[in-house]
């Protein structure tokens, strides 16, 4: 898939390899590279896997491997729980009307 100039994309880059990591960090941290994922507008056309440059929302120019075109959030907060809705309604009543049992 090709990303045209100006498309919102996500890139990945290894900032520091395991050998380049500082000696005073925890052992488990030393075992993995320091990685960066950045979103921005692609400067020149590119395909997934290509080394590209992006301009971020803050105006920085960053380069990395193109990993996603038009990225979006895929997380959610789980399935609906009726009890939580009831708690919210009860809490609003307490806040706005007070506790009638007092």
PDB file of N, CA and C in Angstrom:
ATOM      1  N   UNK A   1       0.843  -1.176   0.000  1.00  0.00           N
ATOM      2  CA  UNK A   1       0.000   0.000   0.000  1.00  0.00           C
ATOM      3  C   UNK A   1       0.895   1.249   0.000  1.00  0.00           C
ATOM      4  N   UNK A   2       0.536   2.213  -0.790  1.00  0.00           N
ATOM      5  CA  UNK A   2       1.323   3.431  -0.946  1.00  0.00           C
ATOM      6  C   UNK A   2       0.661   4.585  -0.174  1.00  0.00           C
ATOM      7  N   UNK A   3       1.475   5.324   0.545  1.00  0.00           N
ATOM      8  CA  UNK A   3       1.014   6.548   1.214  1.00  0.00           C
ATOM      9  C   UNK A   3       1.458   7.728   0.368  1.00  0.00           C
ATOM     10  N   UNK A   4       0.511   8.527  -0.035  1.00  0.00           N
ATOM     11  CA  UNK A   4       0.808   9.726  -0.828  1.00  0.00           C
ATOM     12  C   UNK A   4       1.251  10.861   0.089  1.00  0.00           C
ATOM     13  N   UNK A   5       1.996  11.783  -0.473  1.00  0.00           N
ATOM     14  CA  UNK A   5       2.474  12.951   0.270  1.00  0.00           C
ATOM     15  C   UNK A   5       1.316  13.610   1.018  1.00  0.00           C
ATOM     16  N   UNK A   6       1.524  13.922   2.312  1.00  0.00           N
ATOM     17  CA  UNK A   6       0.515  14.583   3.119  1.00  0.00           C
ATOM     18  C   UNK A   6      -0.415  13.645   3.870  1.00  0.00           C
ATOM     19  N   UNK A   7      -0.274  12.330   3.641  1.00  0.00           N
ATOM     20  CA  UNK A   7      -1.116  11.356   4.333  1.00  0.00           C
ATOM     21  C   UNK A   7      -0.648  11.180   5.773  1.00  0.00           C
ATOM     22  N   UNK A   8      -1.581  10.996   6.694  1.00  0.00           N
ATOM     23  CA  UNK A   8      -1.287  10.750   8.111  1.00  0.00           C
ATOM     24  C   UNK A   8      -0.802   9.310   8.245  1.00  0.00           C
ATOM     25  N   UNK A   9       0.404   9.136   8.805  1.00  0.00           N
ATOM     26  CA  UNK A   9       1.015   7.807   8.904  1.00  0.00           C
ATOM     27  C   UNK A   9       1.675   7.622  10.263  1.00  0.00           C
ATOM     28  N   UNK A  10       2.083   6.379  10.534  1.00  0.00           N
ATOM     29  CA  UNK A  10       2.868   6.071  11.733  1.00  0.00           C
ATOM     30  C   UNK A  10       4.162   5.425  11.287  1.00  0.00           C
ATOM     31  N   UNK A  11       5.271   5.868  11.897  1.00  0.00           N
ATOM     32  CA  UNK A  11       6.585   5.321  11.569  1.00  0.00           C
ATOM     33  C   UNK A  11       7.208   4.711  12.817  1.00  0.00           C
ATOM     34  N   UNK A  12       8.223   3.899  12.602  1.00  0.00           N
ATOM     35  CA  UNK A  12       8.952   3.238  13.695  1.00  0.00           C
ATOM     36  C   UNK A  12      10.440   3.411  13.443  1.00  0.00           C
ATOM     37  N   UNK A  13      11.192   3.600  14.528  1.00  0.00           N
ATOM     38  CA  UNK A  13      12.643   3.710  14.422  1.00  0.00           C
ATOM     39  C   UNK A  13      13.274   3.187  15.711  1.00  0.00           C
ATOM     40  N   UNK A  14      14.442   2.585  15.581  1.00  0.00           N
ATOM     41  CA  UNK A  14      15.222   2.173  16.746  1.00  0.00           C
ATOM     42  C   UNK A  14      16.151   3.326  17.081  1.00  0.00           C
ATOM     43  N   UNK A  15      15.921   3.942  18.229  1.00  0.00           N
ATOM     44  CA  UNK A  15      16.699   5.098  18.651  1.00  0.00           C
ATOM     45  C   UNK A  15      18.058   4.656  19.175  1.00  0.00           C
ATOM     46  N   UNK A  16      18.066   3.624  20.029  1.00  0.00           N
ATOM     47  CA  UNK A  16      19.306   3.063  20.568  1.00  0.00           C
ATOM     48  C   UNK A  16      19.232   1.539  20.513  1.00  0.00           C
ATOM     49  N   UNK A  17      20.268   0.907  20.003  1.00  0.00           N
ATOM     50  CA  UNK A  17      20.336  -0.554  20.027  1.00  0.00           C
ATOM     51  C   UNK A  17      20.669  -0.998  21.444  1.00  0.00           C
ATOM     52  N   UNK A  18      20.617  -2.302  21.687  1.00  0.00           N
ATOM     53  CA  UNK A  18      20.922  -2.806  23.024  1.00  0.00           C
ATOM     54  C   UNK A  18      22.356  -2.465  23.427  1.00  0.00           C
ATOM     55  N   UNK A  19      23.269  -2.453  22.478  1.00  0.00           N
ATOM     56  CA  UNK A  19      24.664  -2.130  22.760  1.00  0.00           C
ATOM     57  C   UNK A  19      24.865  -0.649  23.095  1.00  0.00           C
ATOM     58  N   UNK A  20      23.992   0.205  22.591  1.00  0.00           N
ATOM     59  CA  UNK A  20      24.119   1.648  22.800  1.00  0.00           C
ATOM     60  C   UNK A  20      23.418   2.137  24.075  1.00  0.00           C
ATOM     61  N   UNK A  21      22.653   1.263  24.735  1.00  0.00           N
ATOM     62  CA  UNK A  21      21.919   1.669  25.936  1.00  0.00           C
ATOM     63  C   UNK A  21      22.890   2.022  27.059  1.00  0.00           C
ATOM     64  N   UNK A  22      22.481   2.905  27.949  1.00  0.00           N
ATOM     65  CA  UNK A  22      23.312   3.338  29.075  1.00  0.00           C
ATOM     66  C   UNK A  22      23.598   2.157  30.006  1.00  0.00           C
ATOM     67  N   UNK A  23      24.787   2.115  30.599  1.00  0.00           N
ATOM     68  CA  UNK A  23      25.149   0.982  31.459  1.00  0.00           C
ATOM     69  C   UNK A  23      24.410   0.980  32.807  1.00  0.00           C
ATOM     70  N   UNK A  24      23.864   2.099  33.219  1.00  0.00           N
ATOM     71  CA  UNK A  24      23.254   2.178  34.536  1.00  0.00           C
ATOM     72  C   UNK A  24      21.735   1.954  34.552  1.00  0.00           C
ATOM     73  N   UNK A  25      21.170   1.412  33.474  1.00  0.00           N
ATOM     74  CA  UNK A  25      19.733   1.136  33.456  1.00  0.00           C
ATOM     75  C   UNK A  25      19.489  -0.301  33.906  1.00  0.00           C
ATOM     76  N   UNK A  26      18.262  -0.645  34.317  1.00  0.00           N
ATOM     77  CA  UNK A  26      17.968  -2.000  34.774  1.00  0.00           C
ATOM     78  C   UNK A  26      18.312  -3.056  33.718  1.00  0.00           C
ATOM     79  N   UNK A  27      18.673  -4.234  34.188  1.00  0.00           N
ATOM     80  CA  UNK A  27      19.105  -5.318  33.289  1.00  0.00           C
ATOM     81  C   UNK A  27      18.041  -5.672  32.254  1.00  0.00           C
ATOM     82  N   UNK A  28      16.788  -5.761  32.670  1.00  0.00           N
ATOM     83  CA  UNK A  28      15.751  -6.131  31.706  1.00  0.00           C
ATOM     84  C   UNK A  28      15.566  -5.052  30.639  1.00  0.00           C
ATOM     85  N   UNK A  29      15.820  -3.802  30.995  1.00  0.00           N
ATOM     86  CA  UNK A  29      15.729  -2.703  30.031  1.00  0.00           C
ATOM     87  C   UNK A  29      16.888  -2.752  29.044  1.00  0.00           C
ATOM     88  N   UNK A  30      18.067  -3.122  29.514  1.00  0.00           N
ATOM     89  CA  UNK A  30      19.247  -3.211  28.638  1.00  0.00           C
ATOM     90  C   UNK A  30      19.071  -4.238  27.528  1.00  0.00           C
ATOM     91  N   UNK A  31      18.232  -5.230  27.764  1.00  0.00           N
ATOM     92  CA  UNK A  31      18.075  -6.334  26.809  1.00  0.00           C
ATOM     93  C   UNK A  31      17.262  -5.974  25.574  1.00  0.00           C
ATOM     94  N   UNK A  32      16.612  -4.826  25.585  1.00  0.00           N
ATOM     95  CA  UNK A  32      15.769  -4.436  24.444  1.00  0.00           C
ATOM     96  C   UNK A  32      16.207  -3.078  23.914  1.00  0.00           C
ATOM     97  N   UNK A  33      16.059  -2.844  22.619  1.00  0.00           N
ATOM     98  CA  UNK A  33      16.419  -1.535  22.069  1.00  0.00           C
ATOM     99  C   UNK A  33      15.413  -0.463  22.505  1.00  0.00           C
ATOM    100  N   UNK A  34      15.853   0.779  22.465  1.00  0.00           N
ATOM    101  CA  UNK A  34      14.953   1.900  22.706  1.00  0.00           C
ATOM    102  C   UNK A  34      14.290   2.221  21.372  1.00  0.00           C
ATOM    103  N   UNK A  35      12.968   2.081  21.314  1.00  0.00           N
ATOM    104  CA  UNK A  35      12.248   2.249  20.058  1.00  0.00           C
ATOM    105  C   UNK A  35      11.348   3.481  20.105  1.00  0.00           C
ATOM    106  N   UNK A  36      11.020   3.997  18.923  1.00  0.00           N
ATOM    107  CA  UNK A  36      10.178   5.172  18.806  1.00  0.00           C
ATOM    108  C   UNK A  36       9.110   4.916  17.746  1.00  0.00           C
ATOM    109  N   UNK A  37       7.877   5.209  18.092  1.00  0.00           N
ATOM    110  CA  UNK A  37       6.783   5.201  17.130  1.00  0.00           C
ATOM    111  C   UNK A  37       6.253   6.618  17.084  1.00  0.00           C
ATOM    112  N   UNK A  38       6.133   7.165  15.886  1.00  0.00           N
ATOM    113  CA  UNK A  38       5.727   8.554  15.723  1.00  0.00           C
ATOM    114  C   UNK A  38       4.676   8.647  14.630  1.00  0.00           C
ATOM    115  N   UNK A  39       3.717   9.549  14.831  1.00  0.00           N
ATOM    116  CA  UNK A  39       2.704   9.804  13.802  1.00  0.00           C
ATOM    117  C   UNK A  39       2.967  11.174  13.203  1.00  0.00           C
ATOM    118  N   UNK A  40       2.665  11.300  11.926  1.00  0.00           N
ATOM    119  CA  UNK A  40       2.832  12.575  11.256  1.00  0.00           C
ATOM    120  C   UNK A  40       2.375  12.497   9.816  1.00  0.00           C
ATOM    121  N   UNK A  41       2.556  13.584   9.110  1.00  0.00           N
ATOM    122  CA  UNK A  41       2.193  13.669   7.689  1.00  0.00           C
ATOM    123  C   UNK A  41       3.411  13.308   6.863  1.00  0.00           C
ATOM    124  N   UNK A  42       3.283  12.313   6.002  1.00  0.00           N
ATOM    125  CA  UNK A  42       4.416  11.852   5.199  1.00  0.00           C
ATOM    126  C   UNK A  42       4.836  12.951   4.223  1.00  0.00           C
ATOM    127  N   UNK A  43       6.131  13.154   4.112  1.00  0.00           N
ATOM    128  CA  UNK A  43       6.655  14.236   3.279  1.00  0.00           C
ATOM    129  C   UNK A  43       6.709  13.838   1.807  1.00  0.00           C
ATOM    130  N   UNK A  44       7.164  12.613   1.510  1.00  0.00           N
ATOM    131  CA  UNK A  44       7.190  12.092   0.131  1.00  0.00           C
ATOM    132  C   UNK A  44       6.453  10.761   0.100  1.00  0.00           C
ATOM    133  N   UNK A  45       5.912  10.404  -1.065  1.00  0.00           N
ATOM    134  CA  UNK A  45       5.207   9.125  -1.192  1.00  0.00           C
ATOM    135  C   UNK A  45       6.085   7.977  -0.693  1.00  0.00           C
ATOM    136  N   UNK A  46       5.447   6.970  -0.101  1.00  0.00           N
ATOM    137  CA  UNK A  46       6.192   5.812   0.370  1.00  0.00           C
ATOM    138  C   UNK A  46       5.280   4.621   0.589  1.00  0.00           C
ATOM    139  N   UNK A  47       5.873   3.424   0.607  1.00  0.00           N
ATOM    140  CA  UNK A  47       5.133   2.187   0.834  1.00  0.00           C
ATOM    141  C   UNK A  47       5.469   1.640   2.214  1.00  0.00           C
ATOM    142  N   UNK A  48       4.593   0.807   2.729  1.00  0.00           N
ATOM    143  CA  UNK A  48       4.838   0.161   4.019  1.00  0.00           C
ATOM    144  C   UNK A  48       6.213  -0.513   3.954  1.00  0.00           C
ATOM    145  N   UNK A  49       7.034  -0.274   4.967  1.00  0.00           N
ATOM    146  CA  UNK A  49       8.381  -0.836   5.015  1.00  0.00           C
ATOM    147  C   UNK A  49       9.463   0.105   4.520  1.00  0.00           C
ATOM    148  N   UNK A  50       9.079   1.163   3.799  1.00  0.00           N
ATOM    149  CA  UNK A  50      10.058   2.134   3.297  1.00  0.00           C
ATOM    150  C   UNK A  50      10.523   3.051   4.426  1.00  0.00           C
ATOM    151  N   UNK A  51      11.754   3.535   4.308  1.00  0.00           N
ATOM    152  CA  UNK A  51      12.272   4.571   5.197  1.00  0.00           C
ATOM    153  C   UNK A  51      11.718   5.901   4.677  1.00  0.00           C
ATOM    154  N   UNK A  52      10.957   6.612   5.520  1.00  0.00           N
ATOM    155  CA  UNK A  52      10.312   7.852   5.096  1.00  0.00           C
ATOM    156  C   UNK A  52      10.531   8.941   6.135  1.00  0.00           C
ATOM    157  N   UNK A  53      10.173  10.159   5.759  1.00  0.00           N
ATOM    158  CA  UNK A  53      10.195  11.284   6.692  1.00  0.00           C
ATOM    159  C   UNK A  53       8.766  11.768   6.869  1.00  0.00           C
ATOM    160  N   UNK A  54       8.462  12.174   8.122  1.00  0.00           N
ATOM    161  CA  UNK A  54       7.145  12.732   8.413  1.00  0.00           C
ATOM    162  C   UNK A  54       7.314  14.066   9.119  1.00  0.00           C
ATOM    163  N   UNK A  55       6.300  14.887   8.990  1.00  0.00           N
ATOM    164  CA  UNK A  55       6.249  16.141   9.744  1.00  0.00           C
ATOM    165  C   UNK A  55       5.161  15.958  10.786  1.00  0.00           C
ATOM    166  N   UNK A  56       5.546  16.071  12.056  1.00  0.00           N
ATOM    167  CA  UNK A  56       4.604  15.851  13.148  1.00  0.00           C
ATOM    168  C   UNK A  56       3.700  17.056  13.337  1.00  0.00           C
ATOM    169  N   UNK A  57       2.687  16.891  14.159  1.00  0.00           N
ATOM    170  CA  UNK A  57       1.768  17.985  14.485  1.00  0.00           C
ATOM    171  C   UNK A  57       2.525  19.172  15.073  1.00  0.00           C
ATOM    172  N   UNK A  58       3.595  18.883  15.824  1.00  0.00           N
ATOM    173  CA  UNK A  58       4.362  19.963  16.454  1.00  0.00           C
ATOM    174  C   UNK A  58       5.391  20.580  15.518  1.00  0.00           C
ATOM    175  N   UNK A  59       5.470  20.085  14.264  1.00  0.00           N
ATOM    176  CA  UNK A  59       6.369  20.675  13.287  1.00  0.00           C
ATOM    177  C   UNK A  59       7.732  20.013  13.174  1.00  0.00           C
ATOM    178  N   UNK A  60       7.993  18.965  13.984  1.00  0.00           N
ATOM    179  CA  UNK A  60       9.285  18.275  13.874  1.00  0.00           C
ATOM    180  C   UNK A  60       9.301  17.409  12.624  1.00  0.00           C
ATOM    181  N   UNK A  61      10.471  17.236  12.036  1.00  0.00           N
ATOM    182  CA  UNK A  61      10.657  16.304  10.929  1.00  0.00           C
ATOM    183  C   UNK A  61      11.404  15.095  11.477  1.00  0.00           C
ATOM    184  N   UNK A  62      10.803  13.916  11.299  1.00  0.00           N
ATOM    185  CA  UNK A  62      11.347  12.678  11.866  1.00  0.00           C
ATOM    186  C   UNK A  62      11.366  11.620  10.779  1.00  0.00           C
ATOM    187  N   UNK A  63      12.384  10.748  10.813  1.00  0.00           N
ATOM    188  CA  UNK A  63      12.424   9.674   9.823  1.00  0.00           C
ATOM    189  C   UNK A  63      12.329   8.327  10.504  1.00  0.00           C
ATOM    190  N   UNK A  64      11.799   7.366   9.766  1.00  0.00           N
ATOM    191  CA  UNK A  64      11.649   6.017  10.274  1.00  0.00           C
ATOM    192  C   UNK A  64      11.008   5.131   9.226  1.00  0.00           C
ATOM    193  N   UNK A  65      10.769   3.878   9.597  1.00  0.00           N
ATOM    194  CA  UNK A  65      10.170   2.908   8.686  1.00  0.00           C
ATOM    195  C   UNK A  65       8.653   3.069   8.739  1.00  0.00           C
ATOM    196  N   UNK A  66       8.037   3.212   7.579  1.00  0.00           N
ATOM    197  CA  UNK A  66       6.589   3.367   7.491  1.00  0.00           C
ATOM    198  C   UNK A  66       5.920   2.055   7.905  1.00  0.00           C
ATOM    199  N   UNK A  67       5.086   2.121   8.960  1.00  0.00           N
ATOM    200  CA  UNK A  67       4.443   0.899   9.461  1.00  0.00           C
ATOM    201  C   UNK A  67       2.918   0.926   9.333  1.00  0.00           C
ATOM    202  N   UNK A  68       2.327   2.117   9.197  1.00  0.00           N
ATOM    203  CA  UNK A  68       0.866   2.178   9.138  1.00  0.00           C
ATOM    204  C   UNK A  68       0.413   3.452   8.434  1.00  0.00           C
ATOM    205  N   UNK A  69      -0.620   3.309   7.626  1.00  0.00           N
ATOM    206  CA  UNK A  69      -1.214   4.442   6.923  1.00  0.00           C
ATOM    207  C   UNK A  69      -2.565   4.736   7.571  1.00  0.00           C
ATOM    208  N   UNK A  70      -2.828   6.002   7.854  1.00  0.00           N
ATOM    209  CA  UNK A  70      -4.048   6.429   8.535  1.00  0.00           C
ATOM    210  C   UNK A  70      -4.255   5.659   9.844  1.00  0.00           C
ATOM    211  N   UNK A  71      -3.293   5.730  10.775  1.00  0.00           N
ATOM    212  CA  UNK A  71      -3.410   4.986  12.032  1.00  0.00           C
ATOM    213  C   UNK A  71      -4.558   5.502  12.898  1.00  0.00           C
ATOM    214  N   UNK A  72      -5.092   4.609  13.698  1.00  0.00           N
ATOM    215  CA  UNK A  72      -6.161   4.972  14.626  1.00  0.00           C
ATOM    216  C   UNK A  72      -6.032   4.123  15.883  1.00  0.00           C
ATOM    217  N   UNK A  73      -6.710   4.555  16.937  1.00  0.00           N
ATOM    218  CA  UNK A  73      -6.670   3.824  18.201  1.00  0.00           C
ATOM    219  C   UNK A  73      -7.550   2.596  18.111  1.00  0.00           C
ATOM    220  N   UNK A  74      -7.068   1.465  18.598  1.00  0.00           N
ATOM    221  CA  UNK A  74      -7.810   0.216  18.545  1.00  0.00           C
ATOM    222  C   UNK A  74      -8.235  -0.274  19.929  1.00  0.00           C
ATOM    223  N   UNK A  75      -7.905   0.474  20.960  1.00  0.00           N
ATOM    224  CA  UNK A  75      -8.265   0.028  22.308  1.00  0.00           C
ATOM    225  C   UNK A  75      -9.694   0.438  22.655  1.00  0.00           C
ATOM    226  N   UNK A  76     -10.229  -0.224  23.639  1.00  0.00           N
ATOM    227  CA  UNK A  76     -11.525   0.172  24.176  1.00  0.00           C
ATOM    228  C   UNK A  76     -11.506  -0.059  25.688  1.00  0.00           C
ATOM    229  N   UNK A  77     -12.620   0.172  26.337  1.00  0.00           N
ATOM    230  CA  UNK A  77     -12.688   0.036  27.785  1.00  0.00           C
ATOM    231  C   UNK A  77     -13.463  -1.207  28.211  1.00  0.00           C
ATOM    232  N   UNK A  78     -13.544  -2.176  27.326  1.00  0.00           N
ATOM    233  CA  UNK A  78     -14.206  -3.427  27.664  1.00  0.00           C
ATOM    234  C   UNK A  78     -15.688  -3.394  27.374  1.00  0.00           C
ATOM    235  N   UNK A  79     -16.351  -4.487  27.775  1.00  0.00           N
ATOM    236  CA  UNK A  79     -17.782  -4.632  27.530  1.00  0.00           C
ATOM    237  C   UNK A  79     -18.595  -3.802  28.514  1.00  0.00           C
ATOM    238  N   UNK A  80     -19.808  -3.527  28.128  1.00  0.00           N
ATOM    239  CA  UNK A  80     -20.730  -2.750  28.939  1.00  0.00           C
ATOM    240  C   UNK A  80     -21.015  -3.477  30.249  1.00  0.00           C
ATOM    241  N   UNK A  81     -20.991  -2.734  31.365  1.00  0.00           N
ATOM    242  CA  UNK A  81     -21.286  -3.281  32.687  1.00  0.00           C
ATOM    243  C   UNK A  81     -22.427  -2.456  33.271  1.00  0.00           C
ATOM    244  N   UNK A  82     -23.634  -3.045  33.349  1.00  0.00           N
ATOM    245  CA  UNK A  82     -24.806  -2.288  33.800  1.00  0.00           C
ATOM    246  C   UNK A  82     -24.629  -1.660  35.182  1.00  0.00           C
ATOM    247  N   UNK A  83     -23.939  -2.338  36.091  1.00  0.00           N
ATOM    248  CA  UNK A  83     -23.749  -1.821  37.440  1.00  0.00           C
ATOM    249  C   UNK A  83     -23.013  -0.483  37.441  1.00  0.00           C
ATOM    250  N   UNK A  84     -22.074  -0.325  36.531  1.00  0.00           N
ATOM    251  CA  UNK A  84     -21.328   0.940  36.463  1.00  0.00           C
ATOM    252  C   UNK A  84     -22.243   2.078  36.027  1.00  0.00           C
ATOM    253  N   UNK A  85     -23.153   1.804  35.122  1.00  0.00           N
ATOM    254  CA  UNK A  85     -24.129   2.816  34.695  1.00  0.00           C
ATOM    255  C   UNK A  85     -25.009   3.211  35.878  1.00  0.00           C
ATOM    256  N   UNK A  86     -25.465   2.232  36.646  1.00  0.00           N
ATOM    257  CA  UNK A  86     -26.303   2.515  37.817  1.00  0.00           C
ATOM    258  C   UNK A  86     -25.534   3.340  38.848  1.00  0.00           C
ATOM    259  N   UNK A  87     -24.267   3.019  39.051  1.00  0.00           N
ATOM    260  CA  UNK A  87     -23.437   3.787  39.986  1.00  0.00           C
ATOM    261  C   UNK A  87     -23.353   5.245  39.536  1.00  0.00           C
ATOM    262  N   UNK A  88     -23.149   5.453  38.229  1.00  0.00           N
ATOM    263  CA  UNK A  88     -23.060   6.809  37.702  1.00  0.00           C
ATOM    264  C   UNK A  88     -24.320   7.604  37.935  1.00  0.00           C
ATOM    265  N   UNK A  89     -25.470   6.973  37.698  1.00  0.00           N
ATOM    266  CA  UNK A  89     -26.755   7.654  37.901  1.00  0.00           C
ATOM    267  C   UNK A  89     -26.940   7.974  39.383  1.00  0.00           C
ATOM    268  N   UNK A  90     -26.640   7.024  40.260  1.00  0.00           N
ATOM    269  CA  UNK A  90     -26.770   7.232  41.702  1.00  0.00           C
ATOM    270  C   UNK A  90     -25.834   8.354  42.171  1.00  0.00           C
ATOM    271  N   UNK A  91     -24.615   8.353  41.676  1.00  0.00           N
ATOM    272  CA  UNK A  91     -23.633   9.371  42.067  1.00  0.00           C
ATOM    273  C   UNK A  91     -24.096  10.763  41.655  1.00  0.00           C
ATOM    274  N   UNK A  92     -24.628  10.903  40.459  1.00  0.00           N
ATOM    275  CA  UNK A  92     -25.129  12.208  40.004  1.00  0.00           C
ATOM    276  C   UNK A  92     -26.266  12.688  40.905  1.00  0.00           C
ATOM    277  N   UNK A  93     -27.127  11.771  41.288  1.00  0.00           N
ATOM    278  CA  UNK A  93     -28.226  12.132  42.191  1.00  0.00           C
ATOM    279  C   UNK A  93     -27.674  12.634  43.521  1.00  0.00           C
ATOM    280  N   UNK A  94     -26.698  11.921  44.076  1.00  0.00           N
ATOM    281  CA  UNK A  94     -26.094  12.341  45.338  1.00  0.00           C
ATOM    282  C   UNK A  94     -25.438  13.713  45.221  1.00  0.00           C
ATOM    283  N   UNK A  95     -24.735  13.935  44.122  1.00  0.00           N
ATOM    284  CA  UNK A  95     -24.028  15.203  43.940  1.00  0.00           C
ATOM    285  C   UNK A  95     -24.979  16.381  43.763  1.00  0.00           C
ATOM    286  N   UNK A  96     -26.056  16.193  43.022  1.00  0.00           N
ATOM    287  CA  UNK A  96     -26.934  17.308  42.694  1.00  0.00           C
ATOM    288  C   UNK A  96     -28.092  17.475  43.666  1.00  0.00           C
ATOM    289  N   UNK A  97     -28.531  16.381  44.285  1.00  0.00           N
ATOM    290  CA  UNK A  97     -29.694  16.473  45.162  1.00  0.00           C
ATOM    291  C   UNK A  97     -29.360  16.189  46.619  1.00  0.00           C
ATOM    292  N   UNK A  98     -28.177  15.643  46.878  1.00  0.00           N
ATOM    293  CA  UNK A  98     -27.782  15.310  48.242  1.00  0.00           C
ATOM    294  C   UNK A  98     -28.361  13.984  48.683  1.00  0.00           C
ATOM    295  N   UNK A  99     -27.959  13.538  49.857  1.00  0.00           N
ATOM    296  CA  UNK A  99     -28.424  12.274  50.411  1.00  0.00           C
ATOM    297  C   UNK A  99     -29.727  12.537  51.164  1.00  0.00           C
ATOM    298  N   UNK A 100     -30.835  12.040  50.670  1.00  0.00           N
ATOM    299  CA  UNK A 100     -32.163  12.279  51.257  1.00  0.00           C
ATOM    300  C   UNK A 100     -32.343  11.530  52.581  1.00  0.00           C
ATOM    301  N   UNK A 101     -31.458  10.539  52.879  1.00  0.00           N
ATOM    302  CA  UNK A 101     -31.578   9.755  54.100  1.00  0.00           C
ATOM    303  C   UNK A 101     -31.011  10.474  55.312  1.00  0.00           C
ATOM    304  N   UNK A 102     -30.356  11.588  55.134  1.00  0.00           N
ATOM    305  CA  UNK A 102     -29.731  12.291  56.271  1.00  0.00           C
ATOM    306  C   UNK A 102     -30.726  13.114  57.021  1.00  0.00           C
TER     307      UNK A 102
END
